[in-house]
C-alpha atoms as a PDB file:
ATOM      1  CA  UNK A   1       2.476  -0.489  23.775  1.00  0.00           C
ATOM      2  CA  UNK A   2       0.311  -1.554  20.877  1.00  0.00           C
ATOM      3  CA  UNK A   3      -0.050   2.123  19.990  1.00  0.00           C
ATOM      4  CA  UNK A   4       3.645   2.243  19.080  1.00  0.00           C
ATOM      5  CA  UNK A   5       3.395  -0.872  16.908  1.00  0.00           C
ATOM      6  CA  UNK A   6       2.124   1.288  14.058  1.00  0.00           C
ATOM      7  CA  UNK A   7       5.023   2.932  12.165  1.00  0.00           C
ATOM      8  CA  UNK A   8       3.122   6.201  11.656  1.00  0.00           C
ATOM      9  CA  UNK A   9       2.346   6.541  15.364  1.00  0.00           C
ATOM     10  CA  UNK A  10       5.937   5.700  16.227  1.00  0.00           C
ATOM     11  CA  UNK A  11       7.045   8.416  13.797  1.00  0.00           C
ATOM     12  CA  UNK A  12       4.653  10.912  15.404  1.00  0.00           C
ATOM     13  CA  UNK A  13       6.021  10.258  18.895  1.00  0.00           C
ATOM     14  CA  UNK A  14       9.629  10.359  17.688  1.00  0.00           C
ATOM     15  CA  UNK A  15       9.131  13.609  15.794  1.00  0.00           C
ATOM     16  CA  UNK A  16       7.406  15.221  18.786  1.00  0.00           C
ATOM     17  CA  UNK A  17      10.278  14.154  21.039  1.00  0.00           C
ATOM     18  CA  UNK A  18      13.117  15.264  18.805  1.00  0.00           C
ATOM     19  CA  UNK A  19      11.780  18.210  16.826  1.00  0.00           C
ATOM     20  CA  UNK A  20       9.002  19.837  18.818  1.00  0.00           C
ATOM     21  CA  UNK A  21       8.864  22.293  21.676  1.00  0.00           C
ATOM     22  CA  UNK A  22       5.964  21.691  24.054  1.00  0.00           C
ATOM     23  CA  UNK A  23       2.582  22.262  22.402  1.00  0.00           C
ATOM     24  CA  UNK A  24       3.848  24.090  19.345  1.00  0.00           C
ATOM     25  CA  UNK A  25       2.496  22.005  16.516  1.00  0.00           C
ATOM     26  CA  UNK A  26      -0.793  20.901  15.069  1.00  0.00           C
ATOM     27  CA  UNK A  27      -1.320  17.825  12.866  1.00  0.00           C
ATOM     28  CA  UNK A  28      -0.399  19.790   9.745  1.00  0.00           C
ATOM     29  CA  UNK A  29       3.125  20.446  11.053  1.00  0.00           C
ATOM     30  CA  UNK A  30       4.046  16.778  10.609  1.00  0.00           C
ATOM     31  CA  UNK A  31       3.684  16.967   6.831  1.00  0.00           C
ATOM     32  CA  UNK A  32       2.078  13.540   6.454  1.00  0.00           C
ATOM     33  CA  UNK A  33       0.274  12.886   3.205  1.00  0.00           C
ATOM     34  CA  UNK A  34      -2.711  11.292   4.887  1.00  0.00           C
ATOM     35  CA  UNK A  35      -6.386  12.215   5.167  1.00  0.00           C
ATOM     36  CA  UNK A  36      -7.251  14.274   8.240  1.00  0.00           C
ATOM     37  CA  UNK A  37      -9.540  11.504   9.484  1.00  0.00           C
ATOM     38  CA  UNK A  38      -6.650   9.028   9.417  1.00  0.00           C
ATOM     39  CA  UNK A  39      -4.384  11.376  11.363  1.00  0.00           C
ATOM     40  CA  UNK A  40      -7.154  12.047  13.878  1.00  0.00           C
ATOM     41  CA  UNK A  41      -7.432   8.296  14.456  1.00  0.00           C
ATOM     42  CA  UNK A  42      -3.680   7.935  15.050  1.00  0.00           C
ATOM     43  CA  UNK A  43      -3.471  10.895  17.437  1.00  0.00           C
ATOM     44  CA  UNK A  44      -6.484   9.567  19.342  1.00  0.00           C
ATOM     45  CA  UNK A  45      -4.802   6.163  19.705  1.00  0.00           C
ATOM     46  CA  UNK A  46      -1.658   7.816  21.081  1.00  0.00           C
ATOM     47  CA  UNK A  47      -3.655  10.000  23.444  1.00  0.00           C
ATOM     48  CA  UNK A  48      -5.760   7.105  24.743  1.00  0.00           C
ATOM     49  CA  UNK A  49      -2.619   5.006  25.258  1.00  0.00           C
ATOM     50  CA  UNK A  50      -1.235   7.775  27.477  1.00  0.00           C
ATOM     51  CA  UNK A  51       1.701   8.548  25.202  1.00  0.00           C
ATOM     52  CA  UNK A  52       0.763  12.130  24.301  1.00  0.00           C
ATOM     53  CA  UNK A  53      -1.188  15.029  25.741  1.00  0.00           C
ATOM     54  CA  UNK A  54      -3.154  17.383  23.574  1.00  0.00           C
ATOM     55  CA  UNK A  55      -4.410  20.905  24.141  1.00  0.00           C
ATOM     56  CA  UNK A  56      -7.144  22.540  22.159  1.00  0.00           C
ATOM     57  CA  UNK A  57      -6.330  25.872  20.476  1.00  0.00           C
ATOM     58  CA  UNK A  58      -9.384  27.048  18.592  1.00  0.00           C
ATOM     59  CA  UNK A  59     -10.085  24.374  15.986  1.00  0.00           C
ATOM     60  CA  UNK A  60      -6.756  22.595  16.254  1.00  0.00           C
ATOM     61  CA  UNK A  61      -5.127  20.338  18.796  1.00  0.00           C
ATOM     62  CA  UNK A  62      -1.474  20.602  19.663  1.00  0.00           C
ATOM     63  CA  UNK A  63       0.417  17.665  21.055  1.00  0.00           C
ATOM     64  CA  UNK A  64       3.387  16.734  23.189  1.00  0.00           C
ATOM     65  CA  UNK A  65       4.843  13.494  24.512  1.00  0.00           C
ATOM     66  CA  UNK A  66       4.169  12.652  28.168  1.00  0.00           C
ATOM     67  CA  UNK A  67       7.892  12.203  28.760  1.00  0.00           C
ATOM     68  CA  UNK A  68       7.955  12.123  32.560  1.00  0.00           C
ATOM     69  CA  UNK A  69       5.022   9.718  32.819  1.00  0.00           C
ATOM     70  CA  UNK A  70       6.436   7.344  30.201  1.00  0.00           C
ATOM     71  CA  UNK A  71       9.956   7.394  31.650  1.00  0.00           C
ATOM     72  CA  UNK A  72       8.583   6.579  35.077  1.00  0.00           C
ATOM     73  CA  UNK A  73       6.381   3.733  33.873  1.00  0.00           C
ATOM     74  CA  UNK A  74       8.586   2.361  31.066  1.00  0.00           C
ATOM     75  CA  UNK A  75      12.216   3.331  31.686  1.00  0.00           C
ATOM     76  CA  UNK A  76      14.256   3.307  28.484  1.00  0.00           C
ATOM     77  CA  UNK A  77      11.284   3.183  26.114  1.00  0.00           C
ATOM     78  CA  UNK A  78      11.700   6.741  24.862  1.00  0.00           C
ATOM     79  CA  UNK A  79      15.404   6.126  24.268  1.00  0.00           C
ATOM     80  CA  UNK A  80      14.428   3.248  21.985  1.00  0.00           C
ATOM     81  CA  UNK A  81      11.901   5.457  20.189  1.00  0.00           C
ATOM     82  CA  UNK A  82      14.492   8.226  19.761  1.00  0.00           C
ATOM     83  CA  UNK A  83      16.960   5.808  18.160  1.00  0.00           C
ATOM     84  CA  UNK A  84      14.439   4.051  15.936  1.00  0.00           C
ATOM     85  CA  UNK A  85      15.053   4.348  12.192  1.00  0.00           C
ATOM     86  CA  UNK A  86      12.461   3.524   9.573  1.00  0.00           C
ATOM     87  CA  UNK A  87      13.955   1.762   6.551  1.00  0.00           C
END
């Protein structure tokens, strides 16, 4: 769960859960003012932690949360993420 300790990664997962539909969005959809290399690092950390899946579409990757897997392994975790508010 160290992957969710970073506020940006937590924001990514939350936004994918609440505002995305399947594999609709690439990194640019999030609107983060960060270098592409930084975002790539954060998405890789989430993917390697098993929190998201990514599919390749040409030169971009589109992501979604592994909801069923996470709910089975960590019941209630995604509810906490959904209700998290950054101050």
